[in-house]
Protein backbone atom coordinates (compact mmCIF):
# COMPACT_ATOMS: atom_id res chain seq x y z
CA MET A 1 0.00 0.00 0.00
CA LEU A 2 2.84 2.39 0.87
CA GLU A 3 4.55 1.59 -2.44
CA ALA A 4 1.32 2.24 -4.36
CA LEU A 5 0.85 5.59 -2.61
CA TRP A 6 4.48 6.60 -3.24
CA THR A 7 4.66 5.57 -6.90
CA ASN A 8 0.99 6.25 -7.75
CA ASN A 9 0.93 2.79 -9.36
CA GLY A 10 -1.92 0.57 -8.19
CA SER A 11 -1.02 -2.52 -10.22
CA ILE A 12 -0.12 -5.78 -8.50
CA THR A 13 0.94 -9.20 -9.80
CA PHE A 14 -0.96 -12.36 -8.93
CA SER A 15 1.85 -13.68 -6.71
CA GLU A 16 2.06 -10.35 -4.88
CA CYS A 17 -1.71 -10.38 -4.48
CA LEU A 18 -1.58 -13.87 -2.94
CA ALA A 19 1.19 -12.77 -0.58
CA GLN A 20 -0.79 -9.69 0.44
CA LEU A 21 -3.91 -11.76 1.07
CA TYR A 22 -1.93 -14.35 3.06
CA PHE A 23 -0.39 -11.83 5.44
CA PHE A 24 -3.68 -9.95 5.72
CA ALA A 25 -5.41 -13.19 6.75
CA VAL A 26 -2.61 -14.06 9.19
CA PHE A 27 -2.77 -10.75 11.04
CA ALA A 28 -6.58 -10.57 10.96
CA ASP A 29 -6.81 -14.05 12.51
CA MET A 30 -4.11 -13.14 15.01
CA ASP A 31 -6.00 -10.01 16.02
CA ASN A 32 -9.11 -12.11 16.50
CA LEU A 33 -7.41 -14.81 18.56
CA LEU A 34 -5.37 -12.39 20.68
CA LEU A 35 -8.55 -10.51 21.61
CA THR A 36 -9.83 -13.81 22.98
CA VAL A 37 -6.58 -14.45 24.86
CA MET A 38 -6.86 -10.97 26.38
CA ALA A 39 -10.45 -11.71 27.43
CA ILE A 40 -9.23 -14.85 29.21
CA ASP A 41 -6.51 -12.79 30.87
CA ARG A 42 -9.05 -10.25 32.14
CA TYR A 43 -11.32 -13.03 33.37
CA ALA A 44 -8.46 -14.46 35.41
CA ALA A 45 -7.48 -10.99 36.72
CA VAL A 46 -11.01 -9.98 37.79
CA CYS A 47 -12.58 -13.28 38.81
CA HIS A 48 -9.52 -14.96 40.35
CA PRO A 49 -7.16 -12.11 41.36
CA LEU A 50 -5.38 -14.07 44.10
CA HIS A 51 -4.71 -17.02 41.80
CA TYR A 52 -3.84 -14.90 38.76
CA PRO A 53 -0.05 -15.52 38.92
CA LEU A 54 -0.74 -19.28 39.08
CA ILE A 55 -3.30 -19.24 36.26
CA MET A 56 -1.56 -16.95 33.77
CA THR A 57 1.96 -18.31 34.07
CA LEU A 58 4.66 -17.39 31.56
CA GLY A 59 4.47 -20.85 29.99
CA ARG A 60 0.69 -20.74 29.68
CA CYS A 61 0.79 -17.26 28.15
CA GLY A 62 3.42 -18.47 25.66
CA LEU A 63 1.25 -21.47 24.81
CA LEU A 64 -1.79 -19.26 24.16
CA VAL A 65 0.16 -16.85 21.96
CA GLY A 66 2.05 -19.62 20.17
CA GLY A 67 -1.17 -21.53 19.54
CA SER A 68 -2.75 -18.38 18.11
CA TRP A 69 0.17 -17.92 15.73
CA GLY A 70 0.03 -21.58 14.69
CA VAL A 71 -3.69 -21.47 13.91
CA ALA A 72 -3.45 -18.15 12.06
CA LEU A 73 -0.50 -19.26 9.91
CA SER A 74 -2.04 -22.65 9.07
CA VAL A 75 -5.53 -21.40 8.21
CA SER A 76 -4.19 -18.55 6.09
CA LEU A 77 -1.89 -20.92 4.22
CA VAL A 78 -4.83 -23.19 3.35
CA HIS A 79 -6.74 -20.20 1.97
CA ALA A 80 -3.78 -18.99 -0.09
CA LEU A 81 -3.04 -22.45 -1.53
CA LEU A 82 -6.66 -23.03 -2.56
CA LEU A 83 -6.89 -19.56 -4.07
CA SER A 84 -3.71 -20.17 -6.08
CA GLN A 85 -5.48 -23.06 -7.86
CA LEU A 86 -8.14 -20.74 -9.33
CA ALA A 87 -7.81 -19.32 -12.83
CA PHE A 88 -7.96 -15.58 -13.52
CA TYR A 89 -7.93 -13.43 -16.63
CA THR A 90 -5.03 -11.00 -16.90
CA HIS A 91 -5.30 -7.22 -16.51
CA GLN A 92 -8.34 -7.15 -14.27
CA GLU A 93 -9.31 -4.44 -11.81
CA ILE A 94 -9.93 -5.55 -8.22
CA PRO A 95 -13.04 -3.79 -6.84
CA HIS A 96 -11.36 -3.18 -3.49
CA PHE A 97 -8.43 -1.31 -1.98
CA PHE A 98 -6.50 -4.55 -1.25
CA CYS A 99 -6.57 -8.23 -2.25
CA ASP A 100 -9.46 -9.63 -0.25
CA PHE A 101 -11.25 -12.96 -0.59
CA GLY A 102 -14.63 -11.82 -1.91
CA PRO A 103 -13.38 -9.56 -4.74
CA LEU A 104 -10.91 -12.23 -5.91
CA PHE A 105 -13.63 -14.89 -5.95
CA GLN A 106 -15.73 -12.60 -8.14
CA LEU A 107 -12.89 -12.12 -10.62
CA SER A 108 -12.09 -15.83 -10.93
CA CYS A 109 -13.07 -17.52 -14.18
CA SER A 110 -13.15 -20.97 -12.50
CA ASP A 111 -15.49 -22.47 -9.93
CA ALA A 112 -14.77 -20.88 -6.54
CA HIS A 113 -17.59 -22.51 -4.55
CA LEU A 114 -15.16 -24.68 -2.56
CA ASN A 115 -13.14 -21.61 -1.58
CA GLU A 116 -16.29 -19.66 -0.69
CA ASN A 117 -17.72 -22.46 1.44
CA LEU A 118 -14.40 -23.05 3.19
CA MET A 119 -14.01 -19.33 3.89
CA MET A 120 -17.48 -19.13 5.42
CA VAL A 121 -16.88 -22.22 7.58
CA LEU A 122 -13.50 -21.03 8.82
CA ALA A 123 -14.76 -17.48 9.30
CA GLY A 124 -17.57 -18.90 11.41
CA LEU A 125 -15.24 -21.14 13.45
CA LEU A 126 -12.52 -18.52 13.91
CA GLY A 127 -15.04 -15.75 14.45
CA ILE A 128 -17.92 -17.21 16.44
CA SER A 129 -15.93 -19.61 18.67
CA PRO A 130 -13.50 -16.96 19.99
CA LEU A 131 -16.39 -14.50 20.30
CA LEU A 132 -18.37 -16.99 22.41
CA CYS A 133 -15.30 -17.46 24.60
CA THR A 134 -14.96 -13.68 24.95
CA VAL A 135 -18.66 -13.24 25.76
CA SER A 136 -18.48 -16.05 28.31
CA SER A 137 -15.47 -14.39 29.96
CA TYR A 138 -17.31 -11.07 30.23
CA VAL A 139 -20.45 -12.72 31.61
CA HIS A 140 -18.33 -14.12 34.46
CA ILE A 141 -16.57 -10.76 34.84
CA LEU A 142 -19.87 -8.84 35.12
CA HIS A 143 -21.14 -11.41 37.62
CA ALA A 144 -18.00 -10.94 39.71
CA VAL A 145 -18.26 -7.14 39.44
CA ALA A 146 -21.89 -7.23 40.57
CA LYS A 147 -20.85 -9.12 43.70
CA ALA A 148 -17.96 -6.76 44.49
CA PRO A 149 -18.57 -5.15 47.92
CA SER A 150 -17.12 -1.71 47.15
CA ALA A 151 -17.87 0.80 44.43
CA GLN A 152 -14.12 1.40 44.01
CA GLY A 153 -13.57 -2.29 43.27
CA LYS A 154 -16.34 -2.29 40.67
CA LYS A 155 -14.94 0.81 39.01
CA LYS A 156 -11.42 -0.65 38.89
CA ALA A 157 -12.66 -3.89 37.32
CA LEU A 158 -14.72 -2.04 34.69
CA VAL A 159 -11.81 0.28 33.83
CA THR A 160 -9.59 -2.79 33.40
CA CYS A 161 -11.96 -4.23 30.80
CA SER A 162 -13.36 -1.16 29.06
CA SER A 163 -10.48 -0.68 26.60
CA HIS A 164 -10.50 -4.30 25.49
CA LEU A 165 -14.29 -4.45 25.26
CA SER A 166 -14.45 -1.37 23.02
CA VAL A 167 -11.95 -2.91 20.59
CA VAL A 168 -13.84 -6.23 20.62
CA ILE A 169 -17.13 -4.53 19.70
CA LEU A 170 -15.53 -2.48 16.91
CA PHE A 171 -13.58 -5.41 15.47
CA TYR A 172 -16.30 -8.08 15.46
CA SER A 173 -19.12 -5.82 14.27
CA THR A 174 -17.19 -4.78 11.15
CA VAL A 175 -15.74 -8.24 10.42
CA PHE A 176 -19.09 -10.00 10.67
CA ALA A 177 -20.73 -7.34 8.49
CA THR A 178 -18.16 -8.12 5.79
CA TYR A 179 -17.60 -11.89 5.90
CA LEU A 180 -20.64 -13.68 7.35
CA LYS A 181 -22.48 -13.63 4.04
CA PRO A 182 -22.02 -15.35 0.67
CA PRO A 183 -18.82 -13.89 -0.85
CA SER A 184 -20.28 -14.05 -4.37
CA THR A 185 -22.81 -11.34 -3.59
CA SER A 186 -22.13 -7.83 -4.85
CA HIS A 187 -19.98 -5.53 -2.73
CA SER A 188 -21.40 -2.21 -1.64
CA SER A 189 -19.68 0.96 -0.45
CA GLY A 190 -20.80 0.07 3.08
CA GLU A 191 -18.68 -3.08 2.99
CA LEU A 192 -15.66 -1.05 1.91
CA VAL A 193 -16.24 1.22 4.89
CA ALA A 194 -16.44 -1.84 7.17
CA ALA A 195 -13.20 -3.17 5.66
CA VAL A 196 -11.49 0.16 6.31
CA MET A 197 -12.72 0.05 9.92
CA TYR A 198 -11.22 -3.33 10.84
CA THR A 199 -8.10 -3.14 8.66
CA LEU A 200 -7.03 0.48 9.30
CA VAL A 201 -9.10 2.25 11.96
CA THR A 202 -9.08 -0.47 14.65
CA PRO A 203 -5.29 -1.10 14.53
CA THR A 204 -4.70 2.67 14.57
CA LEU A 205 -6.89 3.12 17.63
CA ASN A 206 -5.34 0.21 19.56
CA PRO A 207 -2.29 2.14 20.87
CA PHE A 208 -4.49 5.02 22.02
CA ILE A 209 -7.18 2.82 23.57
CA TYR A 210 -4.73 0.69 25.53
CA SER A 211 -1.73 2.87 26.29
CA LEU A 212 -3.50 6.10 27.26
CA ARG A 213 -4.93 4.31 30.29
CA ASN A 214 -1.41 3.51 31.45
CA LYS A 215 -0.20 5.93 34.13
CA ASP A 216 3.41 5.78 32.95
CA VAL A 217 2.39 6.70 29.40
CA LYS A 218 0.22 9.55 30.70
CA SER A 219 3.02 10.98 32.83
CA SER A 220 5.48 10.74 29.91
CA LEU A 221 3.10 12.56 27.58
CA LYS A 222 2.52 15.25 30.19
CA ARG A 223 6.29 15.78 30.53
CA VAL A 224 6.70 15.99 26.73
CA TRP A 225 3.81 18.42 26.30
CA GLY A 226 4.50 20.35 29.49
CA ILE A 227 1.07 19.63 30.95
CA GLU A 228 0.91 19.98 34.68
CA SER A 229 -2.75 19.16 35.35
CA SER A 230 -3.73 15.55 35.90
CA TRP A 231 -5.68 13.58 33.32
CA ASP A 232 -9.08 12.07 34.16
């Protein structure tokens, strides 16, 4: 994308398109799975604070992150290999701002039903299953917050989860609006907006959503900007 903006040349070869789609799928799946891992982490921190160091050990955290990478790399490779078997005419214009599954299926001159069905199944498994795990974690968190004896404890627990929950809502709402439908259907401008939201806007907001709640980051920014008053 940076090269296209710099050279004002929007052309891309088929191999480059496959590579772009592969890495896009890898990082999208990783974002999805890491949001679930973070939900599990917050469940352990809020619902079992005294046992948190025993539950979220370094080895267990490494296993969760490593498993997420393994799933994301494997699933994306399957998609890329199956897509490479499809036939395409040369010199076609992709109706999108990057190589995504749906637009490429539409441009294929061979039968892409297997790819479409597999994408919907894997999108459902990798989307709905982690989402159910995240929702289950937050149900337990809200139950624990409701039983908290002090208002300060409730506020602290909600502040701990608010950043992550806002990203979860933004990410899943735009992804499901784009992918949980037959890919062969026509693409509207609304779907392009949804794609921009989860590919560009959400990753851009992540550093602000997470880090600006960190006291060390706040104090550093205040020193840089010369702000003396405290932030809410």
